[in-house]
Amino acid sequence: MKFAWRIVGLLVGALFIFAGLTKIIDFQPFRVLDPMDFARDIDNYKILPWWMSVQLALYLPWLEIICGIALVLRRLYSGALALLLALLVVFIGASFAAKARGIDITCGCFGHVSDQLSFAWHMVLDLAILAAVVALWKWGRGISREADSH
């Protein structure tokens, strides 16, 4: 069972590293992205003031990358899971709130790599990731503590 939870942790960690990188780097062609593009994606939710959207656009990709690395390396594991759980809950709530208000948004979860996905597919993906993070929180953290104590 330890091996299965380790694989789930690696996959979730890699997913968040990828998600953060897609907000910073355009892989086709390879170039650094303008953070204002992600700030506009955040601002499209019409929840936060513009200056806060800009701050989040600069901060969130790096937080996702650092949390993903923490899951992969199993360092600060519980803290990374708590942050990712909070980010997912806030994002899913903001997405549903925007949809309920009739705001057509692009998710921004994986930069513009996932622009072609429908809202329903974004929610299925996000809820699956949320389920994996909750499962790691509930059952996978003990494995991390055992590994860290050796």
C-alpha atoms as a PDB file:
ATOM      1  CA  MET A   1       0.000   0.000   0.000  1.00  0.00           C
ATOM      2  CA  LYS A   2       2.921   2.339   0.720  1.00  0.00           C
ATOM      3  CA  PHE A   3       4.031   1.997  -2.884  1.00  0.00           C
ATOM      4  CA  ALA A   4       0.573   2.941  -4.207  1.00  0.00           C
ATOM      5  CA  TRP A   5       0.401   6.085  -2.035  1.00  0.00           C
ATOM      6  CA  ARG A   6       3.933   6.996  -3.066  1.00  0.00           C
ATOM      7  CA  ILE A   7       2.908   6.755  -6.743  1.00  0.00           C
ATOM      8  CA  VAL A   8      -0.196   8.904  -6.120  1.00  0.00           C
ATOM      9  CA  GLY A   9       1.976  11.473  -4.320  1.00  0.00           C
ATOM     10  CA  LEU A  10       4.478  11.513  -7.181  1.00  0.00           C
ATOM     11  CA  LEU A  11       1.716  11.934  -9.772  1.00  0.00           C
ATOM     12  CA  VAL A  12      -0.011  14.750  -7.877  1.00  0.00           C
ATOM     13  CA  GLY A  13       3.347  16.441  -7.234  1.00  0.00           C
ATOM     14  CA  ALA A  14       4.345  16.178 -10.889  1.00  0.00           C
ATOM     15  CA  LEU A  15       0.937  17.491 -11.930  1.00  0.00           C
ATOM     16  CA  PHE A  16       1.343  20.621  -9.797  1.00  0.00           C
ATOM     17  CA  ILE A  17       4.896  21.165 -11.006  1.00  0.00           C
ATOM     18  CA  PHE A  18       3.566  20.970 -14.568  1.00  0.00           C
ATOM     19  CA  ALA A  19       0.614  23.257 -13.752  1.00  0.00           C
ATOM     20  CA  GLY A  20       2.933  25.883 -12.294  1.00  0.00           C
ATOM     21  CA  LEU A  21       5.380  25.661 -15.179  1.00  0.00           C
ATOM     22  CA  THR A  22       2.647  26.092 -17.805  1.00  0.00           C
ATOM     23  CA  LYS A  23       1.795  29.449 -16.229  1.00  0.00           C
ATOM     24  CA  ILE A  24       5.431  30.573 -16.490  1.00  0.00           C
ATOM     25  CA  ILE A  25       6.698  28.910 -19.682  1.00  0.00           C
ATOM     26  CA  ASP A  26       5.104  28.405 -23.095  1.00  0.00           C
ATOM     27  CA  PHE A  27       6.505  25.101 -24.312  1.00  0.00           C
ATOM     28  CA  GLN A  28       5.417  25.651 -27.960  1.00  0.00           C
ATOM     29  CA  PRO A  29       7.527  27.691 -28.834  1.00  0.00           C
ATOM     30  CA  PHE A  30       9.725  27.632 -25.785  1.00  0.00           C
ATOM     31  CA  ARG A  31       9.525  31.105 -24.194  1.00  0.00           C
ATOM     32  CA  VAL A  32       8.833  32.736 -20.861  1.00  0.00           C
ATOM     33  CA  LEU A  33       5.228  33.911 -20.551  1.00  0.00           C
ATOM     34  CA  ASP A  34       4.099  37.355 -19.532  1.00  0.00           C
ATOM     35  CA  PRO A  35       2.623  37.065 -16.003  1.00  0.00           C
ATOM     36  CA  MET A  36      -0.044  39.571 -17.040  1.00  0.00           C
ATOM     37  CA  ASP A  37      -1.647  36.848 -19.181  1.00  0.00           C
ATOM     38  CA  PHE A  38      -2.236  34.752 -16.072  1.00  0.00           C
ATOM     39  CA  ALA A  39      -3.306  37.892 -14.155  1.00  0.00           C
ATOM     40  CA  ARG A  40      -5.995  38.471 -16.812  1.00  0.00           C
ATOM     41  CA  ASP A  41      -7.140  34.842 -16.399  1.00  0.00           C
ATOM     42  CA  ILE A  42      -7.486  35.420 -12.645  1.00  0.00           C
ATOM     43  CA  ASP A  43      -9.204  38.771 -13.190  1.00  0.00           C
ATOM     44  CA  ASN A  44     -11.767  37.130 -15.498  1.00  0.00           C
ATOM     45  CA  TYR A  45     -13.354  35.540 -12.424  1.00  0.00           C
ATOM     46  CA  LYS A  46     -14.379  39.062 -11.310  1.00  0.00           C
ATOM     47  CA  ILE A  47     -13.824  38.248  -7.634  1.00  0.00           C
ATOM     48  CA  LEU A  48     -10.619  40.109  -6.789  1.00  0.00           C
ATOM     49  CA  PRO A  49      -9.326  43.599  -7.535  1.00  0.00           C
ATOM     50  CA  TRP A  50      -6.827  43.855 -10.401  1.00  0.00           C
ATOM     51  CA  TRP A  51      -3.809  44.520  -8.170  1.00  0.00           C
ATOM     52  CA  MET A  52      -4.504  41.296  -6.254  1.00  0.00           C
ATOM     53  CA  SER A  53      -4.859  39.337  -9.506  1.00  0.00           C
ATOM     54  CA  VAL A  54      -1.416  40.583 -10.522  1.00  0.00           C
ATOM     55  CA  GLN A  55       0.080  39.582  -7.170  1.00  0.00           C
ATOM     56  CA  LEU A  56      -1.472  36.118  -7.395  1.00  0.00           C
ATOM     57  CA  ALA A  57      -0.254  35.695 -10.984  1.00  0.00           C
ATOM     58  CA  LEU A  58       3.295  36.274  -9.791  1.00  0.00           C
ATOM     59  CA  TYR A  59       2.983  34.074  -6.692  1.00  0.00           C
ATOM     60  CA  LEU A  60       0.674  31.130  -7.454  1.00  0.00           C
ATOM     61  CA  PRO A  61       2.717  29.360 -10.166  1.00  0.00           C
ATOM     62  CA  TRP A  62       5.738  29.247  -7.864  1.00  0.00           C
ATOM     63  CA  LEU A  63       3.621  28.047  -4.945  1.00  0.00           C
ATOM     64  CA  GLU A  64       2.282  25.207  -7.107  1.00  0.00           C
ATOM     65  CA  ILE A  65       5.803  24.260  -8.206  1.00  0.00           C
ATOM     66  CA  ILE A  66       7.192  24.345  -4.657  1.00  0.00           C
ATOM     67  CA  CYS A  67       4.269  22.314  -3.286  1.00  0.00           C
ATOM     68  CA  GLY A  68       4.667  19.803  -6.125  1.00  0.00           C
ATOM     69  CA  ILE A  69       8.374  19.437  -5.380  1.00  0.00           C
ATOM     70  CA  ALA A  70       7.555  18.982  -1.676  1.00  0.00           C
ATOM     71  CA  LEU A  71       5.206  16.116  -2.551  1.00  0.00           C
ATOM     72  CA  VAL A  72       7.751  14.481  -4.853  1.00  0.00           C
ATOM     73  CA  LEU A  73      10.593  14.792  -2.324  1.00  0.00           C
ATOM     74  CA  ARG A  74       8.313  14.148   0.688  1.00  0.00           C
ATOM     75  CA  ARG A  75       9.615  17.194   2.532  1.00  0.00           C
ATOM     76  CA  LEU A  76       7.137  19.539   4.247  1.00  0.00           C
ATOM     77  CA  TYR A  77       4.605  17.048   2.913  1.00  0.00           C
ATOM     78  CA  SER A  78       1.663  17.888   5.182  1.00  0.00           C
ATOM     79  CA  GLY A  79       2.114  21.616   4.639  1.00  0.00           C
ATOM     80  CA  ALA A  80       2.214  21.173   0.874  1.00  0.00           C
ATOM     81  CA  LEU A  81      -0.939  19.042   0.967  1.00  0.00           C
ATOM     82  CA  ALA A  82      -2.715  21.624   3.138  1.00  0.00           C
ATOM     83  CA  LEU A  83      -1.798  24.457   0.751  1.00  0.00           C
ATOM     84  CA  LEU A  84      -2.830  22.478  -2.321  1.00  0.00           C
ATOM     85  CA  LEU A  85      -6.098  21.451  -0.685  1.00  0.00           C
ATOM     86  CA  ALA A  86      -6.862  25.105   0.104  1.00  0.00           C
ATOM     87  CA  LEU A  87      -5.941  26.218  -3.424  1.00  0.00           C
ATOM     88  CA  LEU A  88      -8.155  23.566  -4.988  1.00  0.00           C
ATOM     89  CA  VAL A  89     -11.160  24.338  -2.788  1.00  0.00           C
ATOM     90  CA  VAL A  90     -10.866  28.078  -3.481  1.00  0.00           C
ATOM     91  CA  PHE A  91     -10.378  27.545  -7.212  1.00  0.00           C
ATOM     92  CA  ILE A  92     -13.267  25.097  -7.573  1.00  0.00           C
ATOM     93  CA  GLY A  93     -15.519  27.418  -5.583  1.00  0.00           C
ATOM     94  CA  ALA A  94     -14.473  30.414  -7.696  1.00  0.00           C
ATOM     95  CA  SER A  95     -15.093  28.439 -10.886  1.00  0.00           C
ATOM     96  CA  PHE A  96     -18.597  27.447  -9.842  1.00  0.00           C
ATOM     97  CA  ALA A  97     -19.330  31.005  -8.690  1.00  0.00           C
ATOM     98  CA  ALA A  98     -18.182  32.423 -12.040  1.00  0.00           C
ATOM     99  CA  LYS A  99     -20.230  29.873 -13.961  1.00  0.00           C
ATOM    100  CA  ALA A 100     -23.309  30.618 -11.834  1.00  0.00           C
ATOM    101  CA  ARG A 101     -22.925  34.334 -12.627  1.00  0.00           C
ATOM    102  CA  GLY A 102     -22.712  33.534 -16.351  1.00  0.00           C
ATOM    103  CA  ILE A 103     -19.048  34.458 -16.686  1.00  0.00           C
ATOM    104  CA  ASP A 104     -17.339  32.487 -19.441  1.00  0.00           C
ATOM    105  CA  ILE A 105     -13.856  31.779 -18.141  1.00  0.00           C
ATOM    106  CA  THR A 106     -10.835  29.849 -19.239  1.00  0.00           C
ATOM    107  CA  CYS A 107      -9.622  27.801 -16.348  1.00  0.00           C
ATOM    108  CA  GLY A 108      -5.954  28.784 -16.311  1.00  0.00           C
ATOM    109  CA  CYS A 109      -5.185  25.596 -14.343  1.00  0.00           C
ATOM    110  CA  PHE A 110      -2.599  24.403 -16.800  1.00  0.00           C
ATOM    111  CA  GLY A 111      -1.867  27.718 -18.442  1.00  0.00           C
ATOM    112  CA  HIS A 112      -3.223  27.837 -21.951  1.00  0.00           C
ATOM    113  CA  VAL A 113      -2.447  24.159 -22.525  1.00  0.00           C
ATOM    114  CA  SER A 114      -5.975  23.292 -21.339  1.00  0.00           C
ATOM    115  CA  ASP A 115      -7.933  26.065 -23.092  1.00  0.00           C
ATOM    116  CA  GLN A 116      -9.730  23.555 -25.318  1.00  0.00           C
ATOM    117  CA  LEU A 117     -11.364  21.736 -22.410  1.00  0.00           C
ATOM    118  CA  SER A 118     -14.979  22.498 -21.557  1.00  0.00           C
ATOM    119  CA  PHE A 119     -16.025  23.743 -18.129  1.00  0.00           C
ATOM    120  CA  ALA A 120     -17.386  20.281 -17.303  1.00  0.00           C
ATOM    121  CA  TRP A 121     -14.057  18.608 -18.140  1.00  0.00           C
ATOM    122  CA  HIS A 122     -12.172  21.191 -16.090  1.00  0.00           C
ATOM    123  CA  MET A 123     -14.395  20.435 -13.117  1.00  0.00           C
ATOM    124  CA  VAL A 124     -14.025  16.667 -13.555  1.00  0.00           C
ATOM    125  CA  LEU A 125     -10.241  17.089 -13.671  1.00  0.00           C
ATOM    126  CA  ASP A 126     -10.174  19.471 -10.698  1.00  0.00           C
ATOM    127  CA  LEU A 127     -12.463  17.286  -8.589  1.00  0.00           C
ATOM    128  CA  ALA A 128     -10.306  14.228  -9.384  1.00  0.00           C
ATOM    129  CA  ILE A 129      -7.189  16.130  -8.298  1.00  0.00           C
ATOM    130  CA  LEU A 130      -9.017  17.286  -5.167  1.00  0.00           C
ATOM    131  CA  ALA A 131      -9.980  13.672  -4.396  1.00  0.00           C
ATOM    132  CA  ALA A 132      -6.341  12.591  -4.800  1.00  0.00           C
ATOM    133  CA  VAL A 133      -5.107  15.372  -2.485  1.00  0.00           C
ATOM    134  CA  VAL A 134      -7.774  14.520   0.124  1.00  0.00           C
ATOM    135  CA  ALA A 135      -6.822  10.818  -0.103  1.00  0.00           C
ATOM    136  CA  LEU A 136      -3.137  11.684   0.332  1.00  0.00           C
ATOM    137  CA  TRP A 137      -4.048  13.867   3.316  1.00  0.00           C
ATOM    138  CA  LYS A 138      -6.142  11.140   4.922  1.00  0.00           C
ATOM    139  CA  TRP A 139      -4.099   8.024   4.152  1.00  0.00           C
ATOM    140  CA  GLY A 140      -0.788   8.994   2.553  1.00  0.00           C
ATOM    141  CA  ARG A 141       0.647  11.344   5.187  1.00  0.00           C
ATOM    142  CA  GLY A 142       1.537   8.550   7.612  1.00  0.00           C
ATOM    143  CA  ILE A 143       3.724   7.005   4.945  1.00  0.00           C
ATOM    144  CA  SER A 144       5.580  10.277   4.591  1.00  0.00           C
ATOM    145  CA  ARG A 145       6.179  10.472   8.360  1.00  0.00           C
ATOM    146  CA  GLU A 146       7.535   6.905   8.387  1.00  0.00           C
ATOM    147  CA  ALA A 147       9.906   7.727   5.524  1.00  0.00           C
ATOM    148  CA  ASP A 148      11.055  10.966   7.174  1.00  0.00           C
ATOM    149  CA  SER A 149      11.806   9.218  10.490  1.00  0.00           C
ATOM    150  CA  HIS A 150      14.273   6.796   8.910  1.00  0.00           C
END
